[in-house]
């Protein structure tokens, strides 16, 4: 995840770290905590760039590009 987000044109300059917050062998579930450095309030920044769907789609696009 660190490579994906740090090299992202949209999020790379804001990305700081990724850590495993929870891991379960039973259900093959992993929850990650992503840390971003957010600039001072900018119109629409949190609603658009830091939108959870947008952040997931950056990862999703990287997976598609790998295939």
PDB file of N, CA and C in Angstrom:
ATOM      1  N   UNK A   1       0.812  -1.194   0.000  1.00  0.00           N
ATOM      2  CA  UNK A   1       0.000   0.000   0.000  1.00  0.00           C
ATOM      3  C   UNK A   1       0.857   1.260   0.000  1.00  0.00           C
ATOM      4  N   UNK A   2       1.972   1.197   0.693  1.00  0.00           N
ATOM      5  CA  UNK A   2       2.842   2.368   0.735  1.00  0.00           C
ATOM      6  C   UNK A   2       3.276   2.777  -0.655  1.00  0.00           C
ATOM      7  N   UNK A   3       3.679   1.810  -1.474  1.00  0.00           N
ATOM      8  CA  UNK A   3       4.099   2.115  -2.842  1.00  0.00           C
ATOM      9  C   UNK A   3       2.943   2.655  -3.679  1.00  0.00           C
ATOM     10  N   UNK A   4       1.768   2.070  -3.515  1.00  0.00           N
ATOM     11  CA  UNK A   4       0.599   2.495  -4.295  1.00  0.00           C
ATOM     12  C   UNK A   4       0.267   3.954  -4.014  1.00  0.00           C
ATOM     13  N   UNK A   5       0.143   4.301  -2.742  1.00  0.00           N
ATOM     14  CA  UNK A   5      -0.286   5.655  -2.410  1.00  0.00           C
ATOM     15  C   UNK A   5       0.823   6.696  -2.530  1.00  0.00           C
ATOM     16  N   UNK A   6       2.055   6.317  -2.234  1.00  0.00           N
ATOM     17  CA  UNK A   6       3.137   7.304  -2.345  1.00  0.00           C
ATOM     18  C   UNK A   6       3.448   7.631  -3.796  1.00  0.00           C
ATOM     19  N   UNK A   7       3.151   6.717  -4.725  1.00  0.00           N
ATOM     20  CA  UNK A   7       3.413   6.983  -6.147  1.00  0.00           C
ATOM     21  C   UNK A   7       2.176   7.497  -6.887  1.00  0.00           C
ATOM     22  N   UNK A   8       1.059   7.643  -6.201  1.00  0.00           N
ATOM     23  CA  UNK A   8      -0.172   8.126  -6.822  1.00  0.00           C
ATOM     24  C   UNK A   8      -0.045   9.604  -7.187  1.00  0.00           C
ATOM     25  N   UNK A   9      -0.337   9.951  -8.451  1.00  0.00           N
ATOM     26  CA  UNK A   9      -0.307  11.366  -8.821  1.00  0.00           C
ATOM     27  C   UNK A   9      -1.298  12.217  -8.015  1.00  0.00           C
ATOM     28  N   UNK A  10      -2.425  11.638  -7.646  1.00  0.00           N
ATOM     29  CA  UNK A  10      -3.454  12.392  -6.925  1.00  0.00           C
ATOM     30  C   UNK A  10      -3.197  12.472  -5.423  1.00  0.00           C
ATOM     31  N   UNK A  11      -2.623  11.416  -4.838  1.00  0.00           N
ATOM     32  CA  UNK A  11      -2.505  11.359  -3.383  1.00  0.00           C
ATOM     33  C   UNK A  11      -1.072  11.314  -2.865  1.00  0.00           C
ATOM     34  N   UNK A  12      -0.106  11.087  -3.728  1.00  0.00           N
ATOM     35  CA  UNK A  12       1.284  10.893  -3.307  1.00  0.00           C
ATOM     36  C   UNK A  12       1.839  11.987  -2.430  1.00  0.00           C
ATOM     37  N   UNK A  13       1.549  13.226  -2.741  1.00  0.00           N
ATOM     38  CA  UNK A  13       2.124  14.327  -1.941  1.00  0.00           C
ATOM     39  C   UNK A  13       1.482  14.438  -0.567  1.00  0.00           C
ATOM     40  N   UNK A  14       0.324  13.816  -0.354  1.00  0.00           N
ATOM     41  CA  UNK A  14      -0.362  13.866   0.935  1.00  0.00           C
ATOM     42  C   UNK A  14      -0.150  12.610   1.783  1.00  0.00           C
ATOM     43  N   UNK A  15       0.244  11.522   1.147  1.00  0.00           N
ATOM     44  CA  UNK A  15       0.361  10.238   1.834  1.00  0.00           C
ATOM     45  C   UNK A  15       1.551  10.228   2.788  1.00  0.00           C
ATOM     46  N   UNK A  16       1.339   9.679   4.002  1.00  0.00           N
ATOM     47  CA  UNK A  16       2.411   9.587   4.989  1.00  0.00           C
ATOM     48  C   UNK A  16       2.731   8.143   5.362  1.00  0.00           C
ATOM     49  N   UNK A  17       1.719   7.311   5.631  1.00  0.00           N
ATOM     50  CA  UNK A  17       2.012   5.942   6.053  1.00  0.00           C
ATOM     51  C   UNK A  17       0.783   5.045   5.939  1.00  0.00           C
ATOM     52  N   UNK A  18       1.059   3.736   5.978  1.00  0.00           N
ATOM     53  CA  UNK A  18       0.010   2.709   6.010  1.00  0.00           C
ATOM     54  C   UNK A  18       0.416   1.678   7.055  1.00  0.00           C
ATOM     55  N   UNK A  19      -0.512   1.337   7.936  1.00  0.00           N
ATOM     56  CA  UNK A  19      -0.243   0.358   8.976  1.00  0.00           C
ATOM     57  C   UNK A  19      -1.398  -0.629   9.065  1.00  0.00           C
ATOM     58  N   UNK A  20      -1.082  -1.864   9.417  1.00  0.00           N
ATOM     59  CA  UNK A  20      -2.129  -2.861   9.648  1.00  0.00           C
ATOM     60  C   UNK A  20      -2.772  -2.543  10.992  1.00  0.00           C
ATOM     61  N   UNK A  21      -4.067  -2.291  10.972  1.00  0.00           N
ATOM     62  CA  UNK A  21      -4.809  -2.000  12.198  1.00  0.00           C
ATOM     63  C   UNK A  21      -5.444  -3.262  12.777  1.00  0.00           C
ATOM     64  N   UNK A  22      -5.770  -4.221  11.910  1.00  0.00           N
ATOM     65  CA  UNK A  22      -6.406  -5.461  12.348  1.00  0.00           C
ATOM     66  C   UNK A  22      -6.165  -6.524  11.287  1.00  0.00           C
ATOM     67  N   UNK A  23      -5.907  -7.754  11.744  1.00  0.00           N
ATOM     68  CA  UNK A  23      -5.686  -8.865  10.824  1.00  0.00           C
ATOM     69  C   UNK A  23      -6.364 -10.103  11.370  1.00  0.00           C
ATOM     70  N   UNK A  24      -7.086 -10.827  10.505  1.00  0.00           N
ATOM     71  CA  UNK A  24      -7.752 -12.060  10.910  1.00  0.00           C
ATOM     72  C   UNK A  24      -7.420 -13.168   9.918  1.00  0.00           C
ATOM     73  N   UNK A  25      -6.803 -14.216  10.396  1.00  0.00           N
ATOM     74  CA  UNK A  25      -6.526 -15.384   9.552  1.00  0.00           C
ATOM     75  C   UNK A  25      -7.806 -16.129   9.207  1.00  0.00           C
ATOM     76  N   UNK A  26      -8.746 -16.134  10.131  1.00  0.00           N
ATOM     77  CA  UNK A  26      -9.985 -16.886   9.942  1.00  0.00           C
ATOM     78  C   UNK A  26     -10.776 -16.405   8.739  1.00  0.00           C
ATOM     79  N   UNK A  27     -10.902 -15.101   8.601  1.00  0.00           N
ATOM     80  CA  UNK A  27     -11.718 -14.568   7.514  1.00  0.00           C
ATOM     81  C   UNK A  27     -10.885 -13.900   6.424  1.00  0.00           C
ATOM     82  N   UNK A  28      -9.564 -13.998   6.529  1.00  0.00           N
ATOM     83  CA  UNK A  28      -8.661 -13.345   5.567  1.00  0.00           C
ATOM     84  C   UNK A  28      -8.994 -11.863   5.432  1.00  0.00           C
ATOM     85  N   UNK A  29      -9.189 -11.218   6.569  1.00  0.00           N
ATOM     86  CA  UNK A  29      -9.551  -9.809   6.602  1.00  0.00           C
ATOM     87  C   UNK A  29      -8.400  -8.992   7.158  1.00  0.00           C
ATOM     88  N   UNK A  30      -8.113  -7.876   6.493  1.00  0.00           N
ATOM     89  CA  UNK A  30      -7.098  -6.946   6.978  1.00  0.00           C
ATOM     90  C   UNK A  30      -7.683  -5.543   6.920  1.00  0.00           C
ATOM     91  N   UNK A  31      -7.560  -4.817   8.014  1.00  0.00           N
ATOM     92  CA  UNK A  31      -7.943  -3.410   8.042  1.00  0.00           C
ATOM     93  C   UNK A  31      -6.663  -2.600   8.137  1.00  0.00           C
ATOM     94  N   UNK A  32      -6.540  -1.619   7.268  1.00  0.00           N
ATOM     95  CA  UNK A  32      -5.368  -0.757   7.264  1.00  0.00           C
ATOM     96  C   UNK A  32      -5.735   0.634   7.748  1.00  0.00           C
ATOM     97  N   UNK A  33      -4.797   1.267   8.395  1.00  0.00           N
ATOM     98  CA  UNK A  33      -4.941   2.669   8.771  1.00  0.00           C
ATOM     99  C   UNK A  33      -4.009   3.453   7.861  1.00  0.00           C
ATOM    100  N   UNK A  34      -4.593   4.326   7.054  1.00  0.00           N
ATOM    101  CA  UNK A  34      -3.814   5.169   6.153  1.00  0.00           C
ATOM    102  C   UNK A  34      -3.692   6.553   6.772  1.00  0.00           C
ATOM    103  N   UNK A  35      -2.493   7.121   6.710  1.00  0.00           N
ATOM    104  CA  UNK A  35      -2.280   8.458   7.258  1.00  0.00           C
ATOM    105  C   UNK A  35      -1.901   9.405   6.125  1.00  0.00           C
ATOM    106  N   UNK A  36      -2.620  10.513   6.064  1.00  0.00           N
ATOM    107  CA  UNK A  36      -2.373  11.551   5.069  1.00  0.00           C
ATOM    108  C   UNK A  36      -2.124  12.870   5.786  1.00  0.00           C
ATOM    109  N   UNK A  37      -1.280  13.697   5.209  1.00  0.00           N
ATOM    110  CA  UNK A  37      -1.047  15.044   5.708  1.00  0.00           C
ATOM    111  C   UNK A  37      -1.924  15.967   4.875  1.00  0.00           C
ATOM    112  N   UNK A  38      -2.918  16.542   5.511  1.00  0.00           N
ATOM    113  CA  UNK A  38      -3.909  17.332   4.794  1.00  0.00           C
ATOM    114  C   UNK A  38      -3.540  18.816   4.869  1.00  0.00           C
ATOM    115  N   UNK A  39      -3.557  19.513   3.723  1.00  0.00           N
ATOM    116  CA  UNK A  39      -3.231  20.940   3.726  1.00  0.00           C
ATOM    117  C   UNK A  39      -4.324  21.748   4.428  1.00  0.00           C
ATOM    118  N   UNK A  40      -4.021  23.000   4.740  1.00  0.00           N
ATOM    119  CA  UNK A  40      -5.061  23.850   5.330  1.00  0.00           C
ATOM    120  C   UNK A  40      -6.314  23.830   4.458  1.00  0.00           C
ATOM    121  N   UNK A  41      -7.424  24.072   5.076  1.00  0.00           N
ATOM    122  CA  UNK A  41      -8.719  23.986   4.409  1.00  0.00           C
ATOM    123  C   UNK A  41      -8.720  24.574   2.991  1.00  0.00           C
ATOM    124  N   UNK A  42      -9.043  23.720   2.060  1.00  0.00           N
ATOM    125  CA  UNK A  42      -9.151  24.104   0.654  1.00  0.00           C
ATOM    126  C   UNK A  42     -10.542  23.692   0.192  1.00  0.00           C
ATOM    127  N   UNK A  43     -11.199  24.552  -0.523  1.00  0.00           N
ATOM    128  CA  UNK A  43     -12.564  24.281  -0.992  1.00  0.00           C
ATOM    129  C   UNK A  43     -12.658  22.914  -1.671  1.00  0.00           C
ATOM    130  N   UNK A  44     -13.469  22.032  -1.122  1.00  0.00           N
ATOM    131  CA  UNK A  44     -13.742  20.739  -1.735  1.00  0.00           C
ATOM    132  C   UNK A  44     -12.672  19.690  -1.546  1.00  0.00           C
ATOM    133  N   UNK A  45     -11.549  20.013  -0.912  1.00  0.00           N
ATOM    134  CA  UNK A  45     -10.457  19.047  -0.786  1.00  0.00           C
ATOM    135  C   UNK A  45     -10.886  17.800  -0.028  1.00  0.00           C
ATOM    136  N   UNK A  46     -11.453  17.975   1.154  1.00  0.00           N
ATOM    137  CA  UNK A  46     -11.848  16.821   1.961  1.00  0.00           C
ATOM    138  C   UNK A  46     -12.991  16.055   1.315  1.00  0.00           C
ATOM    139  N   UNK A  47     -13.912  16.745   0.691  1.00  0.00           N
ATOM    140  CA  UNK A  47     -15.060  16.093   0.073  1.00  0.00           C
ATOM    141  C   UNK A  47     -14.686  15.332  -1.188  1.00  0.00           C
ATOM    142  N   UNK A  48     -13.655  15.771  -1.888  1.00  0.00           N
ATOM    143  CA  UNK A  48     -13.288  15.155  -3.162  1.00  0.00           C
ATOM    144  C   UNK A  48     -12.028  14.302  -3.063  1.00  0.00           C
ATOM    145  N   UNK A  49     -10.902  14.900  -2.773  1.00  0.00           N
ATOM    146  CA  UNK A  49      -9.633  14.172  -2.768  1.00  0.00           C
ATOM    147  C   UNK A  49      -9.548  13.177  -1.623  1.00  0.00           C
ATOM    148  N   UNK A  50     -10.024  13.541  -0.446  1.00  0.00           N
ATOM    149  CA  UNK A  50      -9.946  12.656   0.713  1.00  0.00           C
ATOM    150  C   UNK A  50     -11.223  11.847   0.903  1.00  0.00           C
ATOM    151  N   UNK A  51     -12.047  11.790  -0.101  1.00  0.00           N
ATOM    152  CA  UNK A  51     -13.262  10.988  -0.084  1.00  0.00           C
ATOM    153  C   UNK A  51     -12.871   9.508  -0.019  1.00  0.00           C
ATOM    154  N   UNK A  52     -13.440   8.725   0.912  1.00  0.00           N
ATOM    155  CA  UNK A  52     -13.083   7.306   1.025  1.00  0.00           C
ATOM    156  C   UNK A  52     -13.238   6.536  -0.295  1.00  0.00           C
ATOM    157  N   UNK A  53     -14.245   6.858  -1.092  1.00  0.00           N
ATOM    158  CA  UNK A  53     -14.410   6.177  -2.379  1.00  0.00           C
ATOM    159  C   UNK A  53     -13.247   6.494  -3.312  1.00  0.00           C
ATOM    160  N   UNK A  54     -12.809   7.733  -3.332  1.00  0.00           N
ATOM    161  CA  UNK A  54     -11.690   8.133  -4.182  1.00  0.00           C
ATOM    162  C   UNK A  54     -10.417   7.397  -3.750  1.00  0.00           C
ATOM    163  N   UNK A  55     -10.176   7.329  -2.447  1.00  0.00           N
ATOM    164  CA  UNK A  55      -8.986   6.652  -1.925  1.00  0.00           C
ATOM    165  C   UNK A  55      -9.018   5.168  -2.272  1.00  0.00           C
ATOM    166  N   UNK A  56     -10.177   4.518  -2.135  1.00  0.00           N
ATOM    167  CA  UNK A  56     -10.313   3.103  -2.531  1.00  0.00           C
ATOM    168  C   UNK A  56     -10.084   2.932  -4.026  1.00  0.00           C
ATOM    169  N   UNK A  57     -10.588   3.868  -4.815  1.00  0.00           N
ATOM    170  CA  UNK A  57     -10.441   3.749  -6.269  1.00  0.00           C
ATOM    171  C   UNK A  57      -8.998   3.891  -6.735  1.00  0.00           C
ATOM    172  N   UNK A  58      -8.181   4.628  -6.002  1.00  0.00           N
ATOM    173  CA  UNK A  58      -6.752   4.695  -6.331  1.00  0.00           C
ATOM    174  C   UNK A  58      -6.145   3.299  -6.187  1.00  0.00           C
ATOM    175  N   UNK A  59      -6.479   2.601  -5.114  1.00  0.00           N
ATOM    176  CA  UNK A  59      -5.990   1.231  -4.919  1.00  0.00           C
ATOM    177  C   UNK A  59      -6.570   0.299  -5.976  1.00  0.00           C
ATOM    178  N   UNK A  60      -7.855   0.412  -6.217  1.00  0.00           N
ATOM    179  CA  UNK A  60      -8.522  -0.431  -7.212  1.00  0.00           C
ATOM    180  C   UNK A  60      -7.880  -0.257  -8.595  1.00  0.00           C
ATOM    181  N   UNK A  61      -7.605   0.981  -8.991  1.00  0.00           N
ATOM    182  CA  UNK A  61      -6.988   1.234 -10.287  1.00  0.00           C
ATOM    183  C   UNK A  61      -5.603   0.615 -10.362  1.00  0.00           C
ATOM    184  N   UNK A  62      -4.860   0.669  -9.265  1.00  0.00           N
ATOM    185  CA  UNK A  62      -3.535   0.053  -9.249  1.00  0.00           C
ATOM    186  C   UNK A  62      -3.638  -1.452  -9.442  1.00  0.00           C
ATOM    187  N   UNK A  63      -4.624  -2.075  -8.827  1.00  0.00           N
ATOM    188  CA  UNK A  63      -4.821  -3.522  -8.995  1.00  0.00           C
ATOM    189  C   UNK A  63      -5.167  -3.842 -10.445  1.00  0.00           C
ATOM    190  N   UNK A  64      -6.058  -3.049 -11.063  1.00  0.00           N
ATOM    191  CA  UNK A  64      -6.409  -3.269 -12.459  1.00  0.00           C
ATOM    192  C   UNK A  64      -5.205  -3.095 -13.368  1.00  0.00           C
ATOM    193  N   UNK A  65      -4.373  -2.114 -13.076  1.00  0.00           N
ATOM    194  CA  UNK A  65      -3.182  -1.863 -13.896  1.00  0.00           C
ATOM    195  C   UNK A  65      -2.181  -3.005 -13.809  1.00  0.00           C
ATOM    196  N   UNK A  66      -2.158  -3.708 -12.671  1.00  0.00           N
ATOM    197  CA  UNK A  66      -1.240  -4.831 -12.475  1.00  0.00           C
ATOM    198  C   UNK A  66      -1.649  -6.041 -13.336  1.00  0.00           C
ATOM    199  N   UNK A  67      -2.947  -6.165 -13.601  1.00  0.00           N
ATOM    200  CA  UNK A  67      -3.443  -7.334 -14.341  1.00  0.00           C
ATOM    201  C   UNK A  67      -3.123  -7.266 -15.770  1.00  0.00           C
TER     202      UNK A  67
END
